[in-house]
Protein backbone atom coordinates (compact mmCIF):
# COMPACT_ATOMS: atom_id res chain seq x y z
CA MET A 1 -169.44 131.55 29.72
CA ARG A 2 -169.69 134.55 32.08
CA PRO A 3 -171.13 137.92 31.11
CA ALA A 4 -168.52 140.72 31.12
CA SER A 5 -168.73 144.45 30.57
CA VAL A 6 -168.16 143.75 26.88
CA GLY A 7 -169.13 140.32 25.53
CA PHE A 8 -168.52 137.17 27.57
CA GLN A 9 -165.58 135.36 29.09
CA CYS A 10 -164.91 131.69 29.80
CA PRO A 11 -164.40 130.84 33.52
CA GLU A 12 -160.92 129.51 32.82
CA CYS A 13 -159.88 132.73 31.07
CA VAL A 14 -161.27 134.77 33.98
CA ARG A 15 -159.38 132.62 36.48
CA GLU A 16 -156.11 132.92 34.59
CA GLY A 17 -156.58 136.66 34.22
CA ALA A 18 -157.22 137.05 37.95
CA ARG A 19 -153.96 135.33 38.74
CA ALA A 20 -151.99 138.08 37.02
CA THR A 21 -154.17 141.14 37.80
CA ARG A 22 -151.27 143.05 39.38
CA GLN A 23 -148.81 142.13 36.63
CA ALA A 24 -148.09 144.04 33.43
CA ARG A 25 -148.17 140.74 31.50
CA THR A 26 -150.97 138.31 30.78
CA PRO A 27 -150.70 134.74 32.11
CA TYR A 28 -149.07 133.68 28.85
CA GLY A 29 -146.56 136.50 28.46
CA GLY A 30 -148.51 139.03 26.38
CA GLN A 31 -148.70 142.75 27.13
CA ARG A 32 -151.76 143.46 29.27
CA THR A 33 -154.15 145.96 27.64
CA GLY A 34 -156.74 148.26 29.21
CA ASN A 35 -159.54 146.99 26.94
CA PRO A 36 -159.13 143.36 25.88
CA ALA A 37 -162.33 143.61 23.82
CA LEU A 38 -160.98 146.28 21.54
CA THR A 39 -159.34 143.97 19.01
CA SER A 40 -162.50 141.89 18.61
CA GLN A 41 -164.51 145.09 18.21
CA VAL A 42 -162.19 146.29 15.44
CA LEU A 43 -162.32 142.93 13.65
CA ILE A 44 -166.10 142.92 13.93
CA GLY A 45 -166.18 146.50 12.50
CA LEU A 46 -164.05 145.48 9.51
CA ASN A 47 -166.24 142.47 8.75
CA VAL A 48 -169.38 144.57 9.04
CA ALA A 49 -167.89 147.32 6.79
CA VAL A 50 -167.09 144.79 4.08
CA TRP A 51 -170.57 143.29 4.39
CA VAL A 52 -172.20 146.72 4.07
CA ALA A 53 -170.15 147.45 0.95
CA ILE A 54 -171.26 144.13 -0.57
CA MET A 55 -174.88 144.82 0.31
CA ALA A 56 -174.62 148.33 -1.20
CA THR A 57 -173.26 146.98 -4.46
CA GLY A 58 -175.73 144.22 -5.10
CA GLY A 59 -175.62 141.75 -2.27
CA GLY A 60 -175.09 138.23 -3.54
CA ALA A 61 -174.75 139.64 -7.07
CA SER A 62 -172.04 142.12 -6.05
CA ARG A 63 -168.84 141.89 -8.05
CA LEU A 64 -166.97 142.61 -4.82
CA VAL A 65 -167.60 138.99 -3.85
CA ASP A 66 -165.66 137.90 -6.95
CA ARG A 67 -162.74 140.06 -5.89
CA LEU A 68 -162.67 139.16 -2.19
CA ALA A 69 -163.88 135.55 -1.87
CA LEU A 70 -161.39 132.71 -2.01
CA LEU A 71 -161.24 131.05 -5.43
CA PRO A 72 -158.40 128.55 -5.93
CA VAL A 73 -158.25 128.91 -9.72
CA SER A 74 -159.83 131.23 -12.26
CA ALA A 75 -163.47 130.43 -13.04
CA PHE A 76 -166.46 131.86 -14.81
CA SER A 77 -168.65 134.05 -12.63
CA PRO A 78 -172.31 134.71 -13.40
CA ARG A 79 -172.06 137.95 -11.44
CA SER A 80 -169.67 139.60 -13.89
CA GLY A 81 -170.37 137.34 -16.86
CA ALA A 82 -166.61 136.77 -17.22
CA VAL A 83 -163.79 134.67 -15.92
CA VAL A 84 -162.48 136.01 -12.56
CA PRO A 85 -158.97 135.31 -11.28
CA GLY A 86 -158.24 132.88 -8.48
CA VAL A 87 -155.36 132.58 -6.01
CA ALA A 88 -153.28 130.44 -8.38
CA ASP A 89 -153.84 132.91 -11.21
CA GLY A 90 -152.77 136.17 -9.68
CA ALA A 91 -155.18 136.90 -6.85
CA PRO A 92 -153.32 135.86 -3.66
CA TRP A 93 -155.06 138.59 -1.58
CA GLN A 94 -158.14 136.33 -1.52
CA LEU A 95 -156.43 134.19 1.11
CA LEU A 96 -156.85 137.16 3.45
CA THR A 97 -159.89 139.09 2.16
CA SER A 98 -162.09 135.96 2.18
CA MET A 99 -161.84 136.08 5.96
CA PHE A 100 -163.70 139.35 6.02
CA THR A 101 -166.26 138.56 3.30
CA HIS A 102 -169.84 137.58 4.06
CA VAL A 103 -173.12 137.80 2.12
CA ALA A 104 -175.84 136.05 4.20
CA VAL A 105 -177.03 137.87 7.31
CA LEU A 106 -177.05 134.67 9.37
CA HIS A 107 -173.49 133.91 8.25
CA ILE A 108 -171.95 137.17 9.43
CA GLY A 109 -174.30 137.27 12.42
CA PHE A 110 -173.20 133.90 13.81
CA ASN A 111 -169.52 134.52 13.10
CA MET A 112 -169.47 137.94 14.66
CA LEU A 113 -171.41 136.73 17.73
CA ALA A 114 -168.85 133.96 18.24
CA LEU A 115 -166.02 136.52 17.91
CA TRP A 116 -167.76 138.76 20.45
CA VAL A 117 -168.06 135.85 22.88
CA LEU A 118 -164.63 134.34 22.40
CA GLY A 119 -162.35 137.26 21.63
CA PRO A 120 -162.19 139.37 24.83
CA GLY A 121 -161.47 136.46 27.10
CA LEU A 122 -158.77 135.02 24.91
CA GLU A 123 -157.11 138.42 24.47
CA ALA A 124 -157.12 138.91 28.26
CA ALA A 125 -155.36 135.53 28.59
CA VAL A 126 -152.73 135.83 25.85
CA GLY A 127 -152.46 139.54 25.00
CA ARG A 128 -153.34 141.50 21.87
CA THR A 129 -150.44 140.47 19.61
CA ARG A 130 -150.75 136.80 20.41
CA PHE A 131 -154.51 136.95 20.00
CA LEU A 132 -154.12 138.51 16.51
CA LEU A 133 -151.57 135.79 15.61
CA LEU A 134 -154.05 133.12 16.71
CA TYR A 135 -156.85 134.74 14.72
CA PHE A 136 -155.07 135.30 11.41
CA LEU A 137 -152.99 132.14 11.53
CA SER A 138 -156.22 130.12 11.98
CA GLY A 139 -157.85 132.01 9.13
CA PHE A 140 -154.93 131.39 6.78
CA ALA A 141 -154.85 127.73 7.75
CA GLY A 142 -158.54 127.48 6.90
CA SER A 143 -157.80 129.05 3.51
CA ALA A 144 -154.98 126.55 2.99
CA MET A 145 -157.32 123.64 3.65
CA VAL A 146 -159.80 125.06 1.19
CA MET A 147 -157.08 125.35 -1.47
CA TRP A 148 -156.31 121.65 -1.06
CA PHE A 149 -159.66 119.97 -0.45
CA ALA A 150 -162.41 122.19 -1.91
CA ALA A 151 -163.39 122.25 -5.55
CA PRO A 152 -160.82 124.48 -7.26
CA ASN A 153 -163.47 126.44 -9.13
CA SER A 154 -165.69 127.10 -6.10
CA GLN A 155 -165.71 130.26 -3.99
CA THR A 156 -165.33 130.19 -0.23
CA LEU A 157 -165.93 133.16 2.12
CA GLY A 158 -166.34 133.95 5.75
CA ALA A 159 -164.45 134.32 9.07
CA SER A 160 -165.35 130.77 10.17
CA GLY A 161 -161.80 129.42 9.87
CA ALA A 162 -160.52 132.08 12.26
CA ILE A 163 -163.49 131.56 14.61
CA PHE A 164 -162.91 127.80 14.78
CA GLY A 165 -159.27 128.55 15.53
CA LEU A 166 -160.36 130.60 18.53
CA MET A 167 -162.53 127.67 19.65
CA GLY A 168 -159.49 125.41 19.46
CA ALA A 169 -157.42 127.98 21.43
CA LEU A 170 -160.10 128.23 24.13
CA LEU A 171 -160.10 124.45 24.51
CA VAL A 172 -156.27 124.40 24.90
CA ILE A 173 -156.27 127.13 27.54
CA ALA A 174 -159.15 125.54 29.48
CA PHE A 175 -157.30 122.22 29.49
CA LYS A 176 -154.06 123.91 30.52
CA VAL A 177 -155.54 125.48 33.65
CA GLY A 178 -157.35 122.27 34.64
CA GLY A 179 -160.86 123.56 33.93
CA ASP A 180 -163.93 121.53 33.16
CA VAL A 181 -163.73 121.22 29.37
CA ARG A 182 -166.94 119.22 28.93
CA GLY A 183 -169.03 122.27 28.10
CA ILE A 184 -166.43 123.58 25.64
CA LEU A 185 -166.09 120.17 24.00
CA THR A 186 -169.89 119.86 23.69
CA TRP A 187 -170.08 123.29 22.06
CA ILE A 188 -167.29 122.46 19.62
CA ALA A 189 -168.83 119.10 18.84
CA ILE A 190 -172.20 120.67 18.03
CA ASN A 191 -170.50 123.13 15.65
CA PHE A 192 -168.68 120.34 13.89
CA VAL A 193 -171.85 118.22 13.63
CA ILE A 194 -173.59 121.18 11.95
CA THR A 195 -170.58 121.72 9.73
CA PHE A 196 -170.61 118.17 8.36
CA LEU A 197 -174.39 117.82 8.21
CA PHE A 198 -174.52 120.84 5.93
CA ALA A 199 -171.17 120.27 4.20
CA GLY A 200 -172.77 121.13 0.89
CA TYR A 201 -173.29 124.72 2.11
CA ILE A 202 -170.59 125.10 4.78
CA SER A 203 -166.85 124.93 4.24
CA TRP A 204 -165.81 122.03 6.45
CA GLN A 205 -162.30 122.53 5.02
CA GLY A 206 -162.05 126.05 6.43
CA HIS A 207 -163.45 124.97 9.78
CA VAL A 208 -161.11 121.97 10.22
CA GLY A 209 -158.05 123.89 9.02
CA GLY A 210 -158.72 126.83 11.35
CA PHE A 211 -159.47 124.58 14.32
CA VAL A 212 -156.27 122.56 13.97
CA ALA A 213 -154.14 125.66 13.58
CA GLY A 214 -155.81 127.18 16.66
CA LEU A 215 -155.03 124.09 18.70
CA LEU A 216 -151.37 124.04 17.63
CA ALA A 217 -150.79 127.77 17.96
CA ALA A 218 -152.49 127.96 21.37
CA GLY A 219 -150.48 124.91 22.45
CA ALA A 220 -147.29 126.77 21.58
CA LEU A 221 -148.44 129.77 23.67
CA ALA A 222 -149.83 127.91 26.66
CA TYR A 223 -147.18 125.17 27.07
CA ALA A 224 -144.05 127.15 26.32
CA PRO A 225 -141.55 126.90 29.24
CA ARG A 226 -141.41 130.00 31.44
CA GLU A 227 -137.67 130.18 30.87
CA ARG A 228 -137.29 132.13 27.61
CA ARG A 229 -141.01 131.77 27.08
CA ALA A 230 -141.30 134.42 24.31
CA LEU A 231 -138.61 132.61 22.30
CA TRP A 232 -140.32 129.25 22.62
CA GLN A 233 -143.70 130.78 21.75
CA GLY A 234 -142.30 132.52 18.70
CA ALA A 235 -140.63 129.32 17.53
CA GLY A 236 -143.87 127.37 17.93
CA ILE A 237 -145.95 129.92 16.13
CA ALA A 238 -143.32 130.18 13.34
CA VAL A 239 -143.46 126.40 12.78
CA VAL A 240 -147.23 126.48 12.39
CA ALA A 241 -147.06 129.55 10.14
CA LEU A 242 -144.32 127.92 8.03
CA ALA A 243 -146.44 124.84 7.58
CA VAL A 244 -149.39 126.95 6.41
CA VAL A 245 -147.22 128.98 3.99
CA VAL A 246 -145.49 125.89 2.54
CA THR A 247 -148.66 123.85 2.03
CA THR A 248 -150.40 126.85 0.42
CA ALA A 249 -147.43 127.58 -1.86
CA VAL A 250 -147.22 123.91 -2.93
CA ARG A 251 -150.91 123.84 -3.77
CA VAL A 252 -150.71 127.09 -5.73
CA ALA A 253 -147.83 125.65 -7.74
CA MET A 254 -149.86 122.55 -8.48
CA LEU A 255 -152.87 124.57 -9.66
CA ALA A 256 -150.96 127.20 -11.62
């Protein structure tokens, strides 16, 4: 990674950005922005704001966690002393809000550091809209995996699914431009080793789901033919999004 004015950038992203410096579009068809770090800064700000609200209302005992964290089905919560709703029982917003919910300082710290490092370079390469699609699609895919493979009455929270999706996207772009991917692969491997070593405390489901979605979505962006590229990219992203929506809907129907 190379230090930039805001955060860091991967050498491959810098190289791709330099190839299109005089163009209004990024190397993968997105609209070039004056500050490619802005989106990551806003996302970090939203995560921090939610974390501050949780800390101000009791930290780990805050009832906000029960409202925002991902819970597949209704379950008893010691925080409120009552049964709280899950996604399958009328709380579908948790699929989104769980991506912005953290309690532990180290949890939000590591996630936001990764977003600070990965976000600006990826946005410079693909553009703001495509970057947001990568981020949220990866986050929703992580939530879908949690719905299927985590204990239905357990809560899951954190931006890790989206972050792992950005890791997958970085790997695809580095491979596409012929960069040396050994460092990126090593970093990803270390993160997955940590994930599975501490699977009792870390949502491996969210990490795997987000990573796979990031690979697929970035593949659709990076390998779309130049002829009618936006159409091919949109179709590829739509297929991944449809898969996430359908698998989530099927699981909700099974749990309801």
